């Protein structure tokens, strides 16, 4: 009986962690702590639970010593000889998450997420107020600030580009760039991107209040003009054509975003639009989250680089918010006080959370102020802007 119990113990995860505590077993306990924090943020605090829960569960599975080597092998997808995937090993020894991860590695899941986002997004505020496109562009300053910061910290150019995309506050875009340019950093970058997206309501308000005066925060903006159905239909087609002509590498993301929006506004594909918004979006979100979480293995995740990525991600969000608000202040001055600078903070790609934060901060100063629709303009512009920034990086560094 004792021999049997000893055999069970030695084959369990406990022996790997306890007996090998000093040789790396402690890393698993740290990862379990990180998983617990993500579960807490998602379940208790309700911060982006649809994203954080699958990611946290993927991290949990891949950090069970006796199980991780059976379901996911990151080494199949990071090849020293430059090959994208080790198909022979994948076919012979691949686990469940290895096969699902093909959707990430081959660039399938992020564009499908953009398809769903496009189907859920109303571009009317941007069409009604094209100037808000400038606010979305200004917020991309956070991307390039993090890119430069990563270079100064010793990251390679492709790694710095992947880290910089965190500043766009767009998880699928960050994953899309990182799986190509720096796959070994995918776990840390994805966790940082989605965690900071969830923490937008905590990160942005102090910066917004520090950069604006009470008078500026109380500005009430004019009601947006009605947007015709013709404009709504033409917009996604024109954007897809322009992006394909100027920056083909961004077309996978922007093209699917615009297709999803066209399904929404055309009025003749309601079933497809609802499928993209609900069933397809939910299925892909689960698979993408679990696969991305699985890349965060203890041996690679608990590295000084991860801490740098977390810090750079925070700086990227801060700089993106700062640039958006400052450009909003410039527009406030140029328009004679008709633009509320708070909507500039919505230039990051966290839709619609960033727009809601602009609304909340503005309404705290003036309860009769309704900035949500005005903030949605730069918010959806930020989605396009982050995809374009990703296309620039992929064109330059792939």
Protein backbone atom coordinates (compact mmCIF):
# COMPACT_ATOMS: atom_id res chain seq x y z
CA UNK A 1 0.00 0.00 0.00
CA UNK A 2 2.78 2.42 0.92
CA UNK A 3 4.60 1.63 -2.31
CA UNK A 4 1.41 2.27 -4.27
CA UNK A 5 0.85 5.62 -2.53
CA UNK A 6 4.48 6.52 -3.12
CA UNK A 7 4.11 5.71 -6.81
CA UNK A 8 0.98 7.88 -7.07
CA UNK A 9 2.77 10.76 -5.34
CA UNK A 10 5.86 10.52 -7.54
CA UNK A 11 3.73 10.57 -10.69
CA UNK A 12 1.64 13.52 -9.49
CA UNK A 13 2.20 17.24 -9.97
CA UNK A 14 2.91 17.62 -6.26
CA UNK A 15 6.21 15.77 -6.53
CA UNK A 16 7.36 18.04 -9.35
CA UNK A 17 6.57 21.14 -7.31
CA UNK A 18 7.56 20.04 -3.79
CA UNK A 19 10.58 17.82 -4.45
CA UNK A 20 11.89 20.14 -7.13
CA UNK A 21 10.96 23.35 -5.34
CA UNK A 22 14.45 24.87 -5.45
CA UNK A 23 15.04 23.68 -9.01
CA UNK A 24 12.06 25.57 -10.42
CA UNK A 25 9.06 24.09 -8.63
CA UNK A 26 8.45 27.47 -6.99
CA UNK A 27 7.70 28.94 -10.42
CA UNK A 28 4.53 26.89 -10.67
CA UNK A 29 3.28 28.33 -7.37
CA UNK A 30 3.92 31.84 -8.66
CA UNK A 31 1.97 31.06 -11.83
CA UNK A 32 -0.92 29.72 -9.76
CA UNK A 33 -0.90 33.04 -7.90
CA UNK A 34 -1.09 34.94 -11.21
CA UNK A 35 -3.93 32.68 -12.34
CA UNK A 36 -5.75 33.39 -9.08
CA UNK A 37 -5.40 37.15 -9.65
CA UNK A 38 -6.81 36.86 -13.17
CA UNK A 39 -9.72 34.75 -11.89
CA UNK A 40 -10.35 37.37 -9.20
CA UNK A 41 -10.33 40.23 -11.71
CA UNK A 42 -12.64 38.36 -14.07
CA UNK A 43 -15.11 36.77 -11.64
CA UNK A 44 -15.18 39.04 -8.60
CA UNK A 45 -14.34 42.42 -10.14
CA UNK A 46 -15.97 41.54 -13.50
CA UNK A 47 -13.08 43.08 -15.48
CA UNK A 48 -13.34 41.64 -19.03
CA UNK A 49 -14.41 38.18 -17.79
CA UNK A 50 -15.02 36.90 -21.33
CA UNK A 51 -11.31 37.36 -21.99
CA UNK A 52 -9.60 36.88 -18.64
CA UNK A 53 -11.32 33.61 -17.67
CA UNK A 54 -10.26 31.61 -20.78
CA UNK A 55 -6.75 33.08 -20.56
CA UNK A 56 -6.44 32.23 -16.88
CA UNK A 57 -7.70 28.69 -17.42
CA UNK A 58 -5.26 28.16 -20.29
CA UNK A 59 -2.44 29.32 -18.00
CA UNK A 60 -3.65 26.91 -15.32
CA UNK A 61 -3.66 23.93 -17.68
CA UNK A 62 -0.24 24.60 -19.15
CA UNK A 63 1.32 25.00 -15.70
CA UNK A 64 0.25 21.62 -14.31
CA UNK A 65 3.60 19.77 -14.60
CA UNK A 66 2.18 16.34 -15.42
CA UNK A 67 -0.34 17.71 -17.93
CA UNK A 68 1.31 20.62 -19.73
CA UNK A 69 3.61 18.48 -21.88
CA UNK A 70 0.63 16.47 -23.07
CA UNK A 71 -1.60 19.27 -24.35
CA UNK A 72 0.69 22.09 -25.51
CA UNK A 73 4.22 22.37 -26.88
CA UNK A 74 5.35 25.90 -27.61
CA UNK A 75 8.58 24.53 -29.05
CA UNK A 76 6.60 23.24 -32.05
CA UNK A 77 5.91 26.84 -33.02
CA UNK A 78 9.21 28.60 -32.24
CA UNK A 79 11.82 27.19 -34.59
CA UNK A 80 15.49 28.17 -34.61
CA UNK A 81 15.76 27.38 -38.32
CA UNK A 82 13.13 29.95 -39.22
CA UNK A 83 10.35 27.44 -39.94
CA UNK A 84 6.94 28.56 -38.79
CA UNK A 85 5.68 25.20 -37.49
CA UNK A 86 7.31 21.82 -36.86
CA UNK A 87 4.62 19.83 -38.64
CA UNK A 88 6.29 16.45 -38.08
CA UNK A 89 6.38 16.82 -34.29
CA UNK A 90 2.92 18.38 -34.26
CA UNK A 91 1.46 15.43 -36.12
CA UNK A 92 3.25 12.84 -33.97
CA UNK A 93 2.99 14.35 -30.49
CA UNK A 94 0.58 17.30 -30.69
CA UNK A 95 -1.99 17.85 -27.95
CA UNK A 96 -5.40 19.51 -28.01
CA UNK A 97 -4.14 23.04 -27.49
CA UNK A 98 -1.38 22.55 -30.06
CA UNK A 99 -4.02 22.05 -32.74
CA UNK A 100 -6.18 24.92 -31.49
CA UNK A 101 -3.09 27.14 -31.37
CA UNK A 102 -2.82 26.79 -35.15
CA UNK A 103 -5.64 29.31 -35.28
CA UNK A 104 -3.33 31.80 -33.56
CA UNK A 105 -0.10 30.89 -35.32
CA UNK A 106 -1.66 30.92 -38.79
CA UNK A 107 -3.38 34.25 -38.10
CA UNK A 108 -6.96 32.94 -38.19
CA UNK A 109 -8.46 33.81 -34.81
CA UNK A 110 -7.58 37.55 -34.53
CA UNK A 111 -9.23 38.49 -37.88
CA UNK A 112 -12.32 36.47 -36.89
CA UNK A 113 -12.46 38.47 -33.64
CA UNK A 114 -12.30 41.63 -35.76
CA UNK A 115 -15.19 40.30 -37.85
CA UNK A 116 -17.29 40.07 -34.69
CA UNK A 117 -16.13 43.47 -33.44
CA UNK A 118 -17.09 45.04 -36.76
CA UNK A 119 -20.54 43.47 -36.57
CA UNK A 120 -21.02 44.91 -33.08
CA UNK A 121 -19.62 48.38 -33.79
CA UNK A 122 -21.53 51.46 -34.92
CA UNK A 123 -19.29 53.66 -37.06
CA UNK A 124 -21.92 56.40 -37.29
CA UNK A 125 -20.23 58.68 -34.69
CA UNK A 126 -17.00 58.57 -36.69
CA UNK A 127 -18.81 59.20 -39.97
CA UNK A 128 -20.78 62.07 -38.45
CA UNK A 129 -17.64 63.66 -37.00
CA UNK A 130 -14.62 62.70 -39.14
CA UNK A 131 -12.38 64.96 -37.01
CA UNK A 132 -12.55 62.30 -34.29
CA UNK A 133 -10.33 60.18 -36.53
CA UNK A 134 -7.48 62.49 -35.50
CA UNK A 135 -8.05 61.65 -31.84
CA UNK A 136 -7.83 57.94 -32.63
CA UNK A 137 -4.60 58.57 -34.51
CA UNK A 138 -3.16 60.67 -31.66
CA UNK A 139 -3.74 57.86 -29.16
CA UNK A 140 -1.48 55.59 -31.24
CA UNK A 141 1.40 57.62 -29.80
CA UNK A 142 1.35 55.09 -26.97
CA UNK A 143 2.25 52.33 -29.46
CA UNK A 144 5.37 54.11 -30.66
CA UNK A 145 6.33 55.30 -27.17
CA UNK A 146 6.32 51.69 -25.93
CA UNK A 147 8.20 50.61 -29.07
CA UNK A 148 11.00 53.10 -28.37
CA UNK A 149 11.00 52.22 -24.66
CA UNK A 150 11.38 48.51 -25.48
CA UNK A 151 14.32 49.24 -27.76
CA UNK A 152 16.01 51.22 -24.97
CA UNK A 153 15.55 48.25 -22.62
CA UNK A 154 17.39 45.94 -24.99
CA UNK A 155 14.58 44.16 -26.82
CA UNK A 156 15.09 43.35 -30.48
CA UNK A 157 13.22 45.40 -33.07
CA UNK A 158 10.57 42.69 -33.75
CA UNK A 159 10.07 42.20 -30.00
CA UNK A 160 9.78 45.96 -29.46
CA UNK A 161 7.18 46.21 -32.22
CA UNK A 162 5.13 43.45 -30.60
CA UNK A 163 5.33 45.12 -27.20
CA UNK A 164 4.43 48.50 -28.68
CA UNK A 165 1.10 47.22 -29.99
CA UNK A 166 -0.04 46.81 -26.37
CA UNK A 167 -0.46 50.60 -26.42
CA UNK A 168 -3.27 50.24 -28.94
CA UNK A 169 -5.39 48.58 -26.23
CA UNK A 170 -6.35 45.88 -28.72
CA UNK A 171 -5.69 42.30 -27.64
CA UNK A 172 -6.35 40.56 -31.00
CA UNK A 173 -4.05 43.02 -32.80
CA UNK A 174 -1.30 42.47 -30.23
CA UNK A 175 -1.65 38.71 -30.68
CA UNK A 176 -1.68 39.01 -34.48
CA UNK A 177 1.59 40.96 -34.51
CA UNK A 178 3.32 38.95 -31.78
CA UNK A 179 2.59 35.51 -33.25
CA UNK A 180 4.57 36.62 -36.30
CA UNK A 181 7.32 38.85 -34.91
CA UNK A 182 7.99 37.50 -31.41
CA UNK A 183 6.07 34.26 -30.70
CA UNK A 184 8.15 33.50 -27.60
CA UNK A 185 6.70 36.63 -25.94
CA UNK A 186 3.08 35.90 -26.83
CA UNK A 187 1.98 34.86 -23.33
CA UNK A 188 3.39 37.91 -21.57
CA UNK A 189 2.20 40.37 -24.22
CA UNK A 190 -1.31 38.92 -24.41
CA UNK A 191 -1.73 38.86 -20.63
CA UNK A 192 -0.47 42.44 -20.39
CA UNK A 193 -2.70 43.66 -23.24
CA UNK A 194 -5.89 42.06 -21.97
CA UNK A 195 -5.20 42.89 -18.32
CA UNK A 196 -4.69 46.57 -19.09
CA UNK A 197 -7.76 46.58 -21.33
CA UNK A 198 -9.70 45.33 -18.31
CA UNK A 199 -8.13 48.01 -16.11
CA UNK A 200 -8.92 50.96 -18.41
CA UNK A 201 -11.54 52.31 -15.92
CA UNK A 202 -8.80 52.47 -13.28
CA UNK A 203 -5.87 53.67 -15.41
CA UNK A 204 -7.44 56.44 -17.47
CA UNK A 205 -9.48 58.69 -15.11
CA UNK A 206 -6.52 59.99 -13.01
CA UNK A 207 -4.65 60.93 -16.19
CA UNK A 208 -7.73 62.54 -17.73
CA UNK A 209 -8.40 64.65 -14.64
CA UNK A 210 -4.76 65.68 -14.26
CA UNK A 211 -4.58 66.98 -17.83
CA UNK A 212 -7.90 68.85 -17.99
CA UNK A 213 -9.57 71.67 -16.12
CA UNK A 214 -13.04 71.51 -14.63
CA UNK A 215 -14.24 73.95 -17.28
CA UNK A 216 -12.96 71.68 -20.05
CA UNK A 217 -14.50 68.58 -18.52
CA UNK A 218 -17.90 70.29 -18.31
CA UNK A 219 -18.07 71.14 -22.03
CA UNK A 220 -21.30 69.91 -23.62
CA UNK A 221 -20.90 68.97 -27.26
CA UNK A 222 -23.49 69.49 -29.99
CA UNK A 223 -25.68 66.58 -30.98
CA UNK A 224 -24.16 64.59 -33.84
CA UNK A 225 -25.88 64.83 -37.21
CA UNK A 226 -27.89 61.82 -38.42
CA UNK A 227 -25.94 59.45 -40.66
CA UNK A 228 -27.72 58.00 -43.69
CA UNK A 229 -27.77 54.31 -44.50
CA UNK A 230 -25.93 55.05 -47.74
CA UNK A 231 -23.04 56.56 -45.79
CA UNK A 232 -22.98 53.60 -43.42
CA UNK A 233 -22.78 51.12 -46.32
CA UNK A 234 -20.17 53.04 -48.30
CA UNK A 235 -17.86 53.64 -45.32
CA UNK A 236 -16.62 50.05 -44.71
CA UNK A 237 -16.18 49.44 -48.44
CA UNK A 238 -14.12 52.60 -48.92
CA UNK A 239 -11.98 51.96 -45.82
CA UNK A 240 -11.20 48.40 -46.97
CA UNK A 241 -10.22 49.66 -50.43
CA UNK A 242 -8.02 52.45 -49.06
CA UNK A 243 -6.22 50.21 -46.57
CA UNK A 244 -5.65 47.49 -49.17
CA UNK A 245 -4.11 50.05 -51.51
CA UNK A 246 -1.87 51.73 -48.92
CA UNK A 247 -1.06 49.02 -46.37
CA UNK A 248 -1.88 45.48 -47.55
CA UNK A 249 -0.39 43.88 -44.42
CA UNK A 250 -3.19 45.44 -42.33
CA UNK A 251 -5.96 44.19 -44.60
CA UNK A 252 -6.56 40.90 -42.76
CA UNK A 253 -7.61 42.81 -39.65
CA UNK A 254 -9.18 45.93 -41.18
CA UNK A 255 -10.83 43.95 -43.99
CA UNK A 256 -12.58 41.58 -41.59
CA UNK A 257 -13.52 44.52 -39.34
CA UNK A 258 -15.17 46.25 -42.27
CA UNK A 259 -16.84 43.07 -43.51
CA UNK A 260 -18.41 42.59 -40.08
CA UNK A 261 -19.63 46.19 -40.11
CA UNK A 262 -21.03 45.82 -43.63
CA UNK A 263 -22.99 42.77 -42.49
CA UNK A 264 -24.43 44.96 -39.74
CA UNK A 265 -25.41 48.01 -41.76
CA UNK A 266 -26.43 46.47 -45.08
CA UNK A 267 -29.82 45.45 -43.72
CA UNK A 268 -29.91 42.23 -45.76
CA UNK A 269 -27.65 39.93 -43.72
CA UNK A 270 -29.15 40.08 -40.24
CA UNK A 271 -28.56 36.36 -39.61
CA UNK A 272 -24.89 36.60 -40.55
CA UNK A 273 -24.45 39.74 -38.48
CA UNK A 274 -25.97 38.10 -35.41
CA UNK A 275 -23.84 34.99 -35.91
CA UNK A 276 -20.67 37.09 -36.15
CA UNK A 277 -21.66 39.05 -33.02
CA UNK A 278 -22.66 36.06 -30.92
CA UNK A 279 -21.91 32.42 -31.77
CA UNK A 280 -18.77 32.95 -33.85
CA UNK A 281 -17.38 35.66 -31.56
CA UNK A 282 -17.97 33.55 -28.45
CA UNK A 283 -16.43 30.38 -29.89
CA UNK A 284 -13.32 32.14 -31.19
CA UNK A 285 -12.92 34.11 -27.94
CA UNK A 286 -12.85 30.87 -25.93
CA UNK A 287 -10.32 29.18 -28.20
CA UNK A 288 -8.14 32.27 -28.55
CA UNK A 289 -8.12 32.95 -24.80
CA UNK A 290 -7.27 29.38 -23.79
CA UNK A 291 -4.53 29.08 -26.42
CA UNK A 292 -2.94 32.41 -25.52
CA UNK A 293 -3.04 31.53 -21.83
CA UNK A 294 -1.36 28.21 -22.61
CA UNK A 295 1.69 30.04 -23.98
CA UNK A 296 2.39 31.47 -20.51
CA UNK A 297 4.42 28.55 -19.17
CA UNK A 298 6.32 29.09 -15.94
CA UNK A 299 9.77 28.54 -17.48
CA UNK A 300 9.34 31.28 -20.09
CA UNK A 301 6.78 33.57 -18.47
CA UNK A 302 8.72 34.14 -15.23
CA UNK A 303 11.53 36.00 -16.88
CA UNK A 304 12.77 39.59 -16.33
CA UNK A 305 11.48 40.35 -19.83
CA UNK A 306 7.94 39.72 -18.62
CA UNK A 307 8.25 42.37 -15.92
CA UNK A 308 9.57 44.83 -18.50
CA UNK A 309 6.64 44.00 -20.79
CA UNK A 310 4.13 44.58 -17.98
CA UNK A 311 5.72 47.95 -17.15
CA UNK A 312 5.98 48.97 -20.81
CA UNK A 313 2.34 48.02 -21.32
CA UNK A 314 1.29 50.31 -18.49
CA UNK A 315 3.41 53.13 -19.92
CA UNK A 316 1.92 52.53 -23.36
CA UNK A 317 -1.63 52.88 -22.03
CA UNK A 318 -0.67 55.99 -20.07
CA UNK A 319 1.01 57.63 -23.07
CA UNK A 320 -1.90 56.73 -25.36
CA UNK A 321 -4.35 58.33 -22.95
CA UNK A 322 -2.10 61.34 -22.46
CA UNK A 323 -1.65 61.91 -26.20
CA UNK A 324 -5.37 61.55 -26.87
CA UNK A 325 -6.38 64.00 -24.14
CA UNK A 326 -3.70 66.54 -25.12
CA UNK A 327 -4.82 66.43 -28.73
CA UNK A 328 -8.38 66.83 -27.46
CA UNK A 329 -7.26 69.97 -25.61
CA UNK A 330 -5.76 71.26 -28.86
CA UNK A 331 -9.06 70.67 -30.64
CA UNK A 332 -10.84 72.39 -27.74
CA UNK A 333 -8.71 75.50 -28.34
CA UNK A 334 -8.97 75.41 -32.14
CA UNK A 335 -12.76 74.99 -32.10
CA UNK A 336 -13.29 77.69 -29.49
CA UNK A 337 -14.34 75.31 -26.75
CA UNK A 338 -16.72 73.09 -28.74
CA UNK A 339 -14.76 69.86 -28.20
CA UNK A 340 -14.57 68.23 -24.78
CA UNK A 341 -10.94 67.03 -24.37
CA UNK A 342 -12.12 63.98 -22.41
CA UNK A 343 -13.19 62.22 -25.59
CA UNK A 344 -9.54 62.11 -26.63
CA UNK A 345 -8.88 59.39 -24.05
CA UNK A 346 -11.27 57.14 -25.99
CA UNK A 347 -8.79 57.03 -28.87
CA UNK A 348 -7.46 53.73 -27.55
CA UNK A 349 -9.03 50.62 -29.05
CA UNK A 350 -10.84 49.28 -25.97
CA UNK A 351 -14.38 49.41 -27.41
CA UNK A 352 -16.70 50.53 -25.87
CA UNK A 353 -15.05 50.65 -22.45
CA UNK A 354 -12.85 53.68 -23.15
CA UNK A 355 -15.84 55.64 -24.47
CA UNK A 356 -17.79 54.79 -21.32
CA UNK A 357 -14.90 56.07 -19.19
CA UNK A 358 -15.02 59.40 -21.06
CA UNK A 359 -18.76 59.55 -20.43
CA UNK A 360 -18.39 58.72 -16.75
CA UNK A 361 -15.66 61.29 -16.05
CA UNK A 362 -17.52 64.00 -17.96
CA UNK A 363 -20.84 63.27 -16.28
CA UNK A 364 -19.20 63.41 -12.85
CA UNK A 365 -18.53 67.11 -13.51
CA UNK A 366 -21.79 67.83 -15.29
CA UNK A 367 -24.63 65.31 -14.76
CA UNK A 368 -26.44 66.59 -17.84
CA UNK A 369 -23.44 65.96 -20.08
CA UNK A 370 -23.64 63.00 -22.48
CA UNK A 371 -20.33 62.30 -24.20
CA UNK A 372 -20.75 58.61 -25.00
CA UNK A 373 -21.64 58.93 -28.69
CA UNK A 374 -19.03 61.64 -29.21
CA UNK A 375 -16.40 59.41 -27.56
CA UNK A 376 -17.39 56.44 -29.74
CA UNK A 377 -15.97 58.30 -32.75
CA UNK A 378 -12.34 58.28 -31.56
CA UNK A 379 -12.94 54.88 -29.95
CA UNK A 380 -13.76 53.13 -33.21
CA UNK A 381 -11.06 55.22 -34.94
CA UNK A 382 -8.66 53.71 -32.41
CA UNK A 383 -9.61 50.21 -33.58
CA UNK A 384 -8.71 51.14 -37.14
CA UNK A 385 -5.60 53.00 -35.97
CA UNK A 386 -4.22 50.06 -33.99
CA UNK A 387 -4.73 47.73 -36.96
CA UNK A 388 -2.95 50.21 -39.23
CA UNK A 389 -0.06 50.50 -36.73
CA UNK A 390 0.15 46.71 -36.71
CA UNK A 391 0.29 46.72 -40.48
CA UNK A 392 3.14 49.25 -40.43
CA UNK A 393 5.17 47.10 -38.03
CA UNK A 394 4.53 43.93 -40.03
CA UNK A 395 5.50 45.65 -43.26
CA UNK A 396 8.73 47.03 -41.81
CA UNK A 397 9.92 44.15 -39.61
CA UNK A 398 8.43 40.87 -40.84
